[in-house]
Protein backbone atom coordinates (compact mmCIF):
# COMPACT_ATOMS: atom_id res chain seq x y z
CA MET A 1 95.11 216.97 192.82
CA GLN A 2 93.06 213.77 192.72
CA TRP A 3 95.00 210.78 194.10
CA GLU A 4 94.69 206.97 193.39
CA THR A 5 95.60 204.36 195.89
CA VAL A 6 97.51 201.29 194.72
CA ILE A 7 97.37 198.28 197.19
CA GLY A 8 99.09 194.86 196.88
CA LEU A 9 99.03 192.28 199.65
CA GLU A 10 101.32 189.62 200.83
CA VAL A 11 99.27 187.13 203.05
CA HIS A 12 100.92 184.60 205.21
CA VAL A 13 98.73 181.58 205.93
CA GLN A 14 99.76 179.04 208.57
CA LEU A 15 99.02 175.61 207.15
CA ALA A 16 97.15 173.13 209.39
CA THR A 17 99.74 170.42 209.48
CA GLN A 18 100.15 168.60 212.80
CA SER A 19 103.90 168.91 212.43
CA LYS A 20 106.29 171.55 211.06
CA ILE A 21 107.35 171.93 207.48
CA PHE A 22 110.85 170.22 207.81
CA SER A 23 110.64 168.44 211.09
CA GLY A 24 108.28 166.39 213.23
CA ALA A 25 107.86 169.10 216.04
CA SER A 26 104.30 169.98 216.89
CA THR A 27 102.67 173.02 215.57
CA ALA A 28 99.92 173.21 218.28
CA PHE A 29 99.14 176.75 219.51
CA GLY A 30 99.76 177.83 223.16
CA ALA A 31 102.46 175.58 224.37
CA GLU A 32 105.06 176.84 226.95
CA PRO A 33 107.79 178.88 225.23
CA ASN A 34 110.47 176.93 223.63
CA THR A 35 108.96 173.39 224.16
CA GLN A 36 108.09 172.89 220.55
CA ALA A 37 111.34 173.59 218.69
CA CYS A 38 113.62 170.64 217.80
CA ALA A 39 117.19 170.38 216.58
CA ILE A 40 116.14 170.71 212.95
CA ASP A 41 114.08 173.85 213.73
CA LEU A 42 117.06 175.42 215.35
CA GLY A 43 119.41 174.41 212.55
CA LEU A 44 121.97 172.63 214.76
CA PRO A 45 124.97 171.04 213.21
CA GLY A 46 124.46 167.63 211.54
CA VAL A 47 120.64 167.82 211.00
CA LEU A 48 118.80 167.60 207.83
CA PRO A 49 115.30 168.87 206.91
CA VAL A 50 112.63 166.60 205.49
CA LEU A 51 109.87 168.18 203.58
CA ASN A 52 106.35 167.78 205.07
CA GLU A 53 104.14 166.22 202.22
CA GLY A 54 101.07 167.65 203.92
CA ALA A 55 102.22 171.09 203.33
CA VAL A 56 102.76 170.30 199.75
CA ALA A 57 99.30 168.99 199.34
CA MET A 58 97.76 172.00 200.89
CA ALA A 59 99.66 174.47 198.67
CA VAL A 60 98.65 172.55 195.64
CA GLN A 61 95.01 172.54 196.83
CA PHE A 62 95.09 176.29 197.28
CA GLY A 63 96.58 176.71 193.83
CA LEU A 64 93.83 174.57 192.24
CA ALA A 65 91.17 176.62 194.10
CA ILE A 66 92.26 179.97 192.58
CA ASN A 67 92.93 178.39 189.07
CA ALA A 68 96.62 179.05 189.37
CA GLU A 69 99.47 177.50 187.33
CA ILE A 70 101.01 174.43 189.32
CA PRO A 71 104.51 173.98 188.03
CA GLU A 72 105.93 170.52 187.70
CA THR A 73 109.06 171.68 189.71
CA SER A 74 109.52 174.03 192.48
CA LEU A 75 112.65 174.80 194.49
CA PHE A 76 113.41 175.85 198.09
CA GLU A 77 116.16 178.49 198.69
CA ARG A 78 117.59 180.15 201.73
CA LYS A 79 116.78 183.70 202.47
CA ASN A 80 119.68 185.07 204.68
CA TYR A 81 119.10 187.53 207.37
CA PHE A 82 120.11 187.90 211.14
CA TYR A 83 117.39 188.43 213.70
CA PRO A 84 117.20 187.10 217.25
CA ASP A 85 114.15 184.78 216.51
CA LEU A 86 115.81 183.30 213.48
CA PRO A 87 118.28 180.85 215.00
CA LYS A 88 119.70 179.44 211.78
CA GLY A 89 120.54 182.88 210.32
CA TYR A 90 118.40 182.10 207.37
CA GLN A 91 114.87 181.25 206.49
CA THR A 92 114.05 178.31 204.08
CA SER A 93 111.64 179.86 201.51
CA GLN A 94 111.02 179.89 197.72
CA MET A 95 111.67 182.63 195.36
CA ALA A 96 112.54 181.76 191.75
CA GLN A 97 110.51 178.67 191.28
CA PRO A 98 107.39 178.80 193.73
CA ILE A 99 105.03 175.93 194.00
CA VAL A 100 102.01 178.00 192.87
CA GLY A 101 102.12 180.22 189.92
CA LYS A 102 99.73 182.83 188.62
CA GLY A 103 96.08 182.65 189.59
CA GLU A 104 93.28 184.92 190.49
CA VAL A 105 90.69 185.59 193.28
CA GLU A 106 87.13 187.10 192.77
CA ILE A 107 86.07 189.53 195.52
CA LEU A 108 82.45 190.84 196.40
CA LEU A 109 82.37 194.55 196.78
CA ASP A 110 80.00 196.63 198.87
CA ASP A 111 77.68 197.38 195.94
CA ASP A 112 77.48 193.66 195.10
CA SER A 113 79.80 194.05 192.10
CA ARG A 114 82.54 191.72 191.56
CA LYS A 115 86.31 192.19 190.84
CA ARG A 116 89.08 189.86 190.01
CA VAL A 117 92.44 190.34 191.92
CA ARG A 118 95.30 188.65 190.29
CA ILE A 119 97.81 186.44 192.21
CA HIS A 120 101.39 186.67 191.26
CA HIS A 121 102.37 183.45 193.07
CA ALA A 122 102.19 181.58 196.37
CA HIS A 123 105.27 180.02 197.85
CA LEU A 124 105.97 177.67 200.92
CA GLU A 125 108.29 178.89 203.70
CA GLU A 126 109.09 178.11 207.27
CA ASP A 127 107.99 180.77 209.99
CA ALA A 128 110.54 182.34 212.30
CA GLY A 129 110.34 182.48 216.05
CA LYS A 130 108.73 185.37 218.01
CA SER A 131 110.46 188.19 219.99
CA LEU A 132 108.63 189.07 223.14
CA HIS A 133 109.18 192.54 224.59
CA GLU A 134 106.79 192.40 227.54
CA ASP A 135 107.76 191.47 231.22
CA PHE A 136 111.51 191.33 230.61
CA HIS A 137 112.44 194.63 232.14
CA GLY A 138 113.96 196.22 229.19
CA MET A 139 115.27 193.00 227.59
CA THR A 140 113.81 190.80 224.73
CA GLY A 141 112.73 187.23 225.18
CA VAL A 142 112.70 184.68 222.29
CA ASP A 143 110.09 181.93 221.90
CA LEU A 144 111.04 179.55 219.07
CA ASN A 145 107.85 177.48 219.16
CA ARG A 146 106.81 178.92 215.81
CA ALA A 147 110.14 178.42 214.17
CA GLY A 148 109.64 175.82 211.24
CA THR A 149 105.92 176.21 211.23
CA PRO A 150 104.67 175.82 207.63
CA LEU A 151 103.38 179.08 205.88
CA LEU A 152 101.90 179.69 202.42
CA GLU A 153 102.71 183.27 201.42
CA ILE A 154 100.27 184.40 198.91
CA VAL A 155 101.48 187.41 196.76
CA SER A 156 98.83 189.58 194.98
CA GLU A 157 99.37 191.87 192.06
CA PRO A 158 98.95 195.57 192.97
CA ASP A 159 95.25 195.42 191.77
CA MET A 160 93.34 196.90 194.72
CA ARG A 161 92.39 200.52 194.87
CA SER A 162 90.95 201.08 198.32
CA ALA A 163 91.05 199.75 201.81
CA ARG A 164 87.72 198.19 201.39
CA GLU A 165 88.87 196.26 198.30
CA ALA A 166 91.89 195.09 200.30
CA VAL A 167 89.72 193.78 203.13
CA ALA A 168 87.35 192.04 200.70
CA TYR A 169 90.30 190.33 199.23
CA ILE A 170 91.70 189.12 202.50
CA ARG A 171 88.15 187.86 203.44
CA ALA A 172 88.00 185.94 200.25
CA LEU A 173 91.32 184.36 200.94
CA HIS A 174 90.15 183.52 204.47
CA ALA A 175 87.25 181.87 203.11
CA ILE A 176 88.93 179.82 200.69
CA VAL A 177 91.72 178.54 202.94
CA THR A 178 89.13 177.66 205.64
CA TYR A 179 86.81 175.98 203.21
CA LEU A 180 89.71 173.88 202.08
CA GLY A 181 90.58 173.09 205.69
CA ILE A 182 94.30 174.02 205.03
CA SER A 183 94.19 176.63 207.68
CA ASP A 184 92.10 177.64 210.55
CA GLY A 185 92.48 181.47 209.63
CA ASN A 186 92.76 182.50 213.17
CA MET A 187 94.23 185.99 212.90
CA ALA A 188 94.45 186.43 216.62
CA GLU A 189 96.69 183.43 216.98
CA GLY A 190 98.80 184.41 213.93
CA SER A 191 97.46 181.85 211.56
CA MET A 192 96.85 184.55 208.95
CA ARG A 193 98.92 187.72 208.81
CA CYS A 194 99.13 190.42 206.16
CA ASP A 195 102.03 192.69 204.90
CA VAL A 196 100.33 195.50 203.06
CA ASN A 197 102.10 197.46 200.29
CA VAL A 198 100.59 200.93 199.75
CA SER A 199 101.30 203.69 197.44
CA VAL A 200 99.54 206.61 195.75
CA ARG A 201 99.78 208.20 192.44
CA PRO A 202 98.04 211.08 190.61
CA LYS A 203 94.90 209.90 188.85
CA GLY A 204 95.63 209.00 185.27
CA GLN A 205 99.25 208.18 185.85
CA GLU A 206 100.39 204.82 184.79
CA THR A 207 103.54 204.42 186.78
CA PHE A 208 103.32 203.54 190.42
CA GLY A 209 104.22 205.67 193.15
CA THR A 210 106.82 204.72 196.00
CA ARG A 211 105.29 202.09 198.32
CA ALA A 212 105.50 201.69 201.93
CA GLU A 213 105.20 198.07 203.37
CA ILE A 214 103.10 197.70 206.58
CA LYS A 215 104.29 194.46 208.23
CA ASN A 216 102.25 191.82 210.08
CA VAL A 217 98.74 193.29 210.33
CA ASN A 218 96.60 190.70 212.05
CA SER A 219 92.87 191.62 211.64
CA PHE A 220 90.48 192.73 209.00
CA ARG A 221 89.68 195.89 210.77
CA PHE A 222 93.39 196.85 211.36
CA VAL A 223 94.21 196.30 207.61
CA GLU A 224 91.53 198.71 206.71
CA ARG A 225 92.63 201.31 209.36
CA ALA A 226 96.25 200.89 208.53
CA ILE A 227 95.80 201.52 204.81
CA GLU A 228 93.48 204.57 205.38
CA PHE A 229 96.18 206.03 207.70
CA GLU A 230 98.91 205.40 205.35
CA VAL A 231 97.22 206.72 202.26
CA GLU A 232 96.46 210.02 204.12
CA ARG A 233 100.06 210.17 205.31
CA GLN A 234 101.59 209.83 201.80
CA ILE A 235 99.20 212.19 200.23
CA GLU A 236 99.91 214.91 202.89
CA LEU A 237 103.61 214.26 202.34
CA LEU A 238 103.46 214.63 198.69
CA GLU A 239 101.27 217.63 198.62
CA ASP A 240 103.62 219.40 201.06
CA GLY A 241 106.43 218.81 198.53
CA GLY A 242 107.95 215.86 200.30
CA LYS A 243 108.82 212.43 198.92
CA VAL A 244 107.60 208.98 200.03
CA VAL A 245 110.47 206.77 201.17
CA GLN A 246 110.39 203.12 200.37
CA GLU A 247 110.42 201.51 203.79
CA THR A 248 108.86 199.01 206.14
CA ARG A 249 106.42 200.38 208.62
CA LEU A 250 104.48 198.96 211.54
CA TYR A 251 100.77 199.76 212.43
CA ASP A 252 100.11 200.69 216.00
CA PRO A 253 96.34 199.85 216.73
CA ASP A 254 96.34 201.87 220.00
CA LEU A 255 97.54 205.06 218.37
CA ASP A 256 95.78 204.25 214.98
CA GLU A 257 98.99 205.08 213.05
CA THR A 258 101.73 203.63 211.07
CA ARG A 259 105.49 204.34 211.99
CA SER A 260 108.73 203.63 210.37
CA MET A 261 110.46 200.33 211.18
CA ARG A 262 113.35 200.10 208.68
CA THR A 263 114.38 200.97 205.19
CA LYS A 264 112.89 198.51 202.79
CA GLU A 265 115.04 195.77 201.68
CA GLU A 266 115.41 194.46 198.08
CA ALA A 267 115.64 190.69 197.26
CA ASN A 268 119.38 190.86 196.75
CA ASP A 269 119.84 192.08 200.20
CA TYR A 270 118.77 188.58 201.46
CA ARG A 271 121.39 186.76 199.24
CA TYR A 272 118.94 184.09 198.05
CA PHE A 273 120.60 180.83 197.02
CA PRO A 274 119.18 177.18 196.47
CA CYS A 275 119.00 175.22 199.62
CA PRO A 276 121.59 172.41 199.53
CA ASP A 277 119.69 170.32 201.94
CA LEU A 278 116.40 169.97 199.94
CA LEU A 279 115.72 168.40 196.51
CA PRO A 280 113.46 169.94 193.93
CA VAL A 281 109.81 169.32 194.56
CA MET A 282 108.51 167.32 191.52
CA LEU A 283 104.71 167.22 190.84
CA ASP A 284 103.33 164.91 188.28
CA GLU A 285 99.83 165.34 186.66
CA ALA A 286 98.42 162.32 188.62
CA TYR A 287 99.37 164.04 191.88
CA ILE A 288 97.79 167.28 190.97
CA GLU A 289 94.58 165.61 189.70
CA HIS A 290 94.38 163.56 192.98
CA GLN A 291 94.50 166.81 194.96
CA ARG A 292 91.94 168.38 192.51
CA ALA A 293 89.57 165.59 193.49
CA THR A 294 89.72 166.42 197.33
CA LEU A 295 88.41 170.10 196.72
CA PRO A 296 85.18 170.92 198.33
CA GLU A 297 82.58 173.36 196.84
CA LEU A 298 84.45 176.62 197.07
CA PRO A 299 82.96 179.84 198.43
CA SER A 300 82.40 181.48 195.07
CA GLU A 301 80.82 178.30 193.77
CA LYS A 302 78.57 178.06 196.81
CA ARG A 303 77.62 181.84 196.66
CA ASP A 304 76.73 181.36 192.92
CA ARG A 305 74.46 178.33 193.77
CA PHE A 306 72.78 180.08 196.71
CA GLU A 307 71.98 183.15 194.32
CA ASN A 308 71.10 181.31 191.03
CA THR A 309 69.71 177.97 192.25
CA LEU A 310 68.06 178.98 195.61
CA GLY A 311 67.08 182.37 194.46
CA LEU A 312 68.71 184.36 197.42
CA SER A 313 69.84 187.92 196.91
CA ALA A 314 73.51 188.64 196.17
CA TYR A 315 73.87 190.01 199.72
CA ASP A 316 72.35 187.03 201.40
CA ALA A 317 74.30 184.55 199.20
CA GLY A 318 77.51 186.41 199.99
CA VAL A 319 76.89 186.48 203.79
CA LEU A 320 75.78 182.78 204.04
CA SER A 321 78.72 181.43 201.94
CA SER A 322 81.26 183.62 203.75
CA THR A 323 82.43 180.82 206.09
CA ARG A 324 82.04 177.17 205.77
CA PRO A 325 80.51 176.54 209.21
CA MET A 326 77.74 179.39 208.34
CA ALA A 327 77.09 177.73 204.87
CA GLU A 328 76.81 174.26 206.26
CA TYR A 329 74.48 175.36 209.11
CA PHE A 330 72.32 177.24 206.70
CA GLU A 331 72.08 174.26 204.27
CA ALA A 332 71.29 171.98 207.22
CA VAL A 333 68.35 174.31 208.15
CA LEU A 334 67.20 174.36 204.59
CA ALA A 335 67.20 170.59 204.34
CA VAL A 336 64.52 170.42 207.19
CA CYS A 337 62.36 173.40 206.38
CA GLY A 338 62.68 173.55 202.50
CA ASP A 339 62.30 177.40 202.31
CA ALA A 340 65.67 178.96 201.41
CA LYS A 341 64.54 182.65 202.07
CA GLN A 342 63.06 181.93 205.51
CA ALA A 343 66.14 179.78 206.36
CA ALA A 344 68.32 182.86 205.31
CA ASN A 345 66.38 185.22 207.35
CA TRP A 346 66.56 183.27 210.57
CA VAL A 347 70.15 182.35 210.13
CA GLN A 348 71.16 185.95 209.52
CA GLY A 349 68.58 187.54 211.92
CA GLU A 350 67.58 185.85 215.20
CA LEU A 351 70.38 183.33 215.23
CA SER A 352 73.18 185.66 214.33
CA ALA A 353 71.91 188.19 216.91
CA HIS A 354 72.18 185.77 219.60
CA LEU A 355 75.52 184.37 218.53
CA ASN A 356 77.02 187.95 218.34
CA ARG A 357 75.45 189.04 221.59
CA GLU A 358 77.19 185.98 223.44
CA ASN A 359 80.33 185.94 221.23
CA ILE A 360 79.62 182.26 220.20
CA ASP A 361 80.70 180.65 216.96
CA ILE A 362 77.98 179.17 214.78
CA GLY A 363 79.58 175.76 215.27
CA ASN A 364 78.92 176.03 218.99
CA SER A 365 75.27 177.37 218.63
CA PRO A 366 73.00 176.04 221.39
CA VAL A 367 70.21 175.87 218.65
CA THR A 368 70.99 173.06 216.25
CA PRO A 369 70.17 173.57 212.57
CA GLU A 370 67.69 170.73 212.82
CA GLN A 371 65.89 172.45 215.68
CA LEU A 372 65.79 175.78 213.75
CA GLY A 373 64.52 174.05 210.49
CA GLU A 374 61.74 172.57 212.56
CA LEU A 375 60.83 175.83 214.09
CA ILE A 376 60.78 177.58 210.74
CA SER A 377 58.55 174.68 209.42
CA ARG A 378 56.06 175.50 212.20
CA VAL A 379 55.83 179.17 210.99
CA LEU A 380 55.41 178.02 207.49
CA ASP A 381 52.66 175.61 208.26
CA ASP A 382 50.90 178.25 210.41
CA THR A 383 51.25 176.32 213.56
CA ILE A 384 52.75 179.41 215.23
CA ASN A 385 53.06 183.06 214.33
CA GLY A 386 56.26 185.13 214.09
CA LYS A 387 55.97 186.48 217.74
CA ALA A 388 55.55 182.91 219.13
CA ALA A 389 58.41 181.67 216.95
CA LYS A 390 60.81 184.06 218.76
CA GLN A 391 59.73 182.75 222.04
CA VAL A 392 60.26 179.26 220.97
CA PHE A 393 63.78 180.17 219.59
CA ALA A 394 64.67 181.86 222.95
CA ALA A 395 63.52 178.77 224.69
CA LEU A 396 65.62 176.35 222.46
CA TRP A 397 68.70 178.77 222.94
CA ASN A 398 68.28 178.53 226.74
CA ASN A 399 67.90 174.76 226.64
CA GLU A 400 64.44 174.79 227.97
CA GLY A 401 63.16 172.16 225.57
CA THR A 402 64.49 169.71 222.96
CA SER A 403 62.37 170.53 219.88
CA ALA A 404 60.17 173.35 218.70
CA ASP A 405 57.05 171.02 218.94
CA GLU A 406 57.70 170.22 222.51
CA ILE A 407 58.01 173.94 223.45
CA ILE A 408 54.92 174.95 221.32
CA ASP A 409 52.76 172.27 223.11
CA ALA A 410 54.11 172.98 226.61
CA ARG A 411 53.57 176.73 226.27
CA GLY A 412 50.27 176.62 224.54
CA LEU A 413 51.69 178.76 221.70
CA LYS A 414 49.73 176.95 218.88
CA GLN A 415 48.28 179.57 216.56
CA VAL A 416 44.49 180.02 216.63
CA THR A 417 43.34 179.79 213.12
CA ASP A 418 39.77 179.05 213.81
CA THR A 419 37.82 181.91 212.21
CA GLY A 420 34.84 181.62 214.68
CA ALA A 421 37.19 181.96 217.61
CA ILE A 422 39.10 184.92 216.05
CA GLU A 423 35.79 186.57 215.19
CA ALA A 424 34.50 186.22 218.78
CA MET A 425 37.71 187.97 220.12
CA ILE A 426 37.25 190.64 217.53
CA ASP A 427 33.79 191.42 218.44
CA GLN A 428 34.69 191.59 222.11
CA VAL A 429 37.46 194.07 221.37
CA ILE A 430 35.20 196.27 219.15
CA ALA A 431 32.52 196.12 221.83
CA GLU A 432 34.86 197.29 224.56
CA SER A 433 36.42 200.11 222.43
CA PRO A 434 33.55 202.36 221.37
CA VAL A 435 35.67 205.58 221.27
CA GLN A 436 38.42 204.02 219.12
CA VAL A 437 35.94 202.50 216.82
CA ALA A 438 34.28 205.85 216.22
CA GLN A 439 37.54 207.49 215.50
CA TYR A 440 38.47 204.87 213.20
CA ARG A 441 35.29 205.15 211.11
CA GLU A 442 35.38 208.94 210.99
CA ALA A 443 39.01 208.77 209.57
CA ASP A 444 40.08 208.60 205.80
CA GLU A 445 41.51 205.46 204.48
CA ALA A 446 45.15 206.59 204.97
CA LYS A 447 44.64 207.13 208.73
CA ARG A 448 42.64 203.99 209.07
CA GLY A 449 45.74 201.95 207.96
CA LYS A 450 47.57 203.33 211.09
CA MET A 451 44.81 203.20 213.43
CA ILE A 452 43.94 199.53 212.95
CA GLY A 453 47.13 198.59 214.83
CA TYR A 454 45.41 199.35 218.15
CA PHE A 455 42.75 196.83 217.43
CA VAL A 456 45.26 194.20 216.16
CA GLY A 457 47.24 194.65 219.47
CA GLN A 458 44.19 194.27 221.47
CA VAL A 459 43.01 190.98 219.74
CA MET A 460 46.54 189.53 219.96
CA LYS A 461 46.58 190.50 223.58
CA ALA A 462 43.27 188.61 224.17
CA SER A 463 44.59 185.68 222.26
CA ARG A 464 47.84 185.70 224.30
CA GLY A 465 49.69 186.20 220.99
CA THR A 466 48.28 182.97 219.38
CA ALA A 467 45.92 184.38 216.86
CA ASN A 468 46.85 184.35 213.27
CA PRO A 469 47.84 187.93 212.58
CA GLN A 470 46.89 187.79 208.83
CA GLN A 471 43.41 186.54 209.83
CA VAL A 472 43.08 189.17 212.54
CA ASN A 473 43.96 191.92 210.14
CA GLY A 474 41.51 190.76 207.43
CA LEU A 475 38.63 190.17 209.66
CA LEU A 476 39.05 193.32 211.70
CA LYS A 477 39.16 195.30 208.56
CA GLN A 478 35.90 193.77 207.34
CA LYS A 479 34.15 194.37 210.76
CA LEU A 480 35.44 197.95 211.33
CA ASP A 481 34.63 199.04 207.83
CA GLN A 482 31.02 198.00 208.33
CA ALA A 483 29.02 201.33 208.99
């Protein structure tokens, strides 16, 4: 039987406010346990929450970025459950009337095709604390620093049909929230976490299969692996005559498997009811338009501009617009050198290789975009050749000079373009290589094309890599082809 995978995602994005959603406590990461939870976060008697307007603004900005409906009124409710890291016994969230309505996100697939994933809604809520199971000798510790941290939960429709599509969707969301500046998107620190709903059904069947929810997956790679494992598990279960149980599962990256956590709850299990301590959130058109005016150029818009205006390939445009720091670096390089393709090649090639090798973010690159733009300009105006350019880049990376021009002059890397000087070197190489010259002239045209590399190498060696390779190739062929 042929099976079809059906995937929907609930993505929790920590909003980049300085204080929590209903209190003035700090949201800074890495503080000592239980030092950033105040009386409001703990729900102590006599305290009242006050909504953080910054969280509202960020939610609206996200809604506008995905062309979603922004309702005039949204409500907060209490989601009731008992867990050690939820000191109030309930989570303040939204259900019936969320702050962001239906929208959509465009994703770019591996074959450069595009697909739209529908967003059902996005709602604001407070985070719970964190249970810690390590170093407590069989007991569980509770850190309430995260309690009350503002989250935007983005709920998709079940529109994705593969693990790769799901990862592309999460990457698209990551790009949107980081472009907007409403979250740092740091999955390792919990700023973005995914609940993955997975089911399978026979191909051609319209009704959905029974789904399992995989909770709190915190990396792109783990999302892909968790889905692939879960799909295989469900298909094997069904083909063996079993039934998939609706449940919540956890993904174990060490064992690369999902395992059962608890039976899946329904909404009525949480006994939602309107929060008596918070008024409805009322948004007028002027407020929404004010937030719209703050939006930057979004990833999809930037990608289209890179492709359609700058003439980059769909792949290059997608990579360069994938993160805001990458896009800004590329555009700063382009502003100096004026050649989009060369700027793209260098940013994705030499620069990215160095960044990846030393695990450095592009925002902390030792080579500034202005330095790289100047270096590319020197290649374009034939001051240096490609080989010398890599030497200059390495020197800039190691802080062995302040500019490409300074390094070129100091190291004598300026390209030799004087035809007479190049011809003299070629004549010397030919005179010193009688055997190779004879073999070249006896060979047919196809073999000559490969054999000429030897002579090019000798000339470049004689020039210490500074001869113009194009001129060397042209002049060499002329002289070697003379009988």
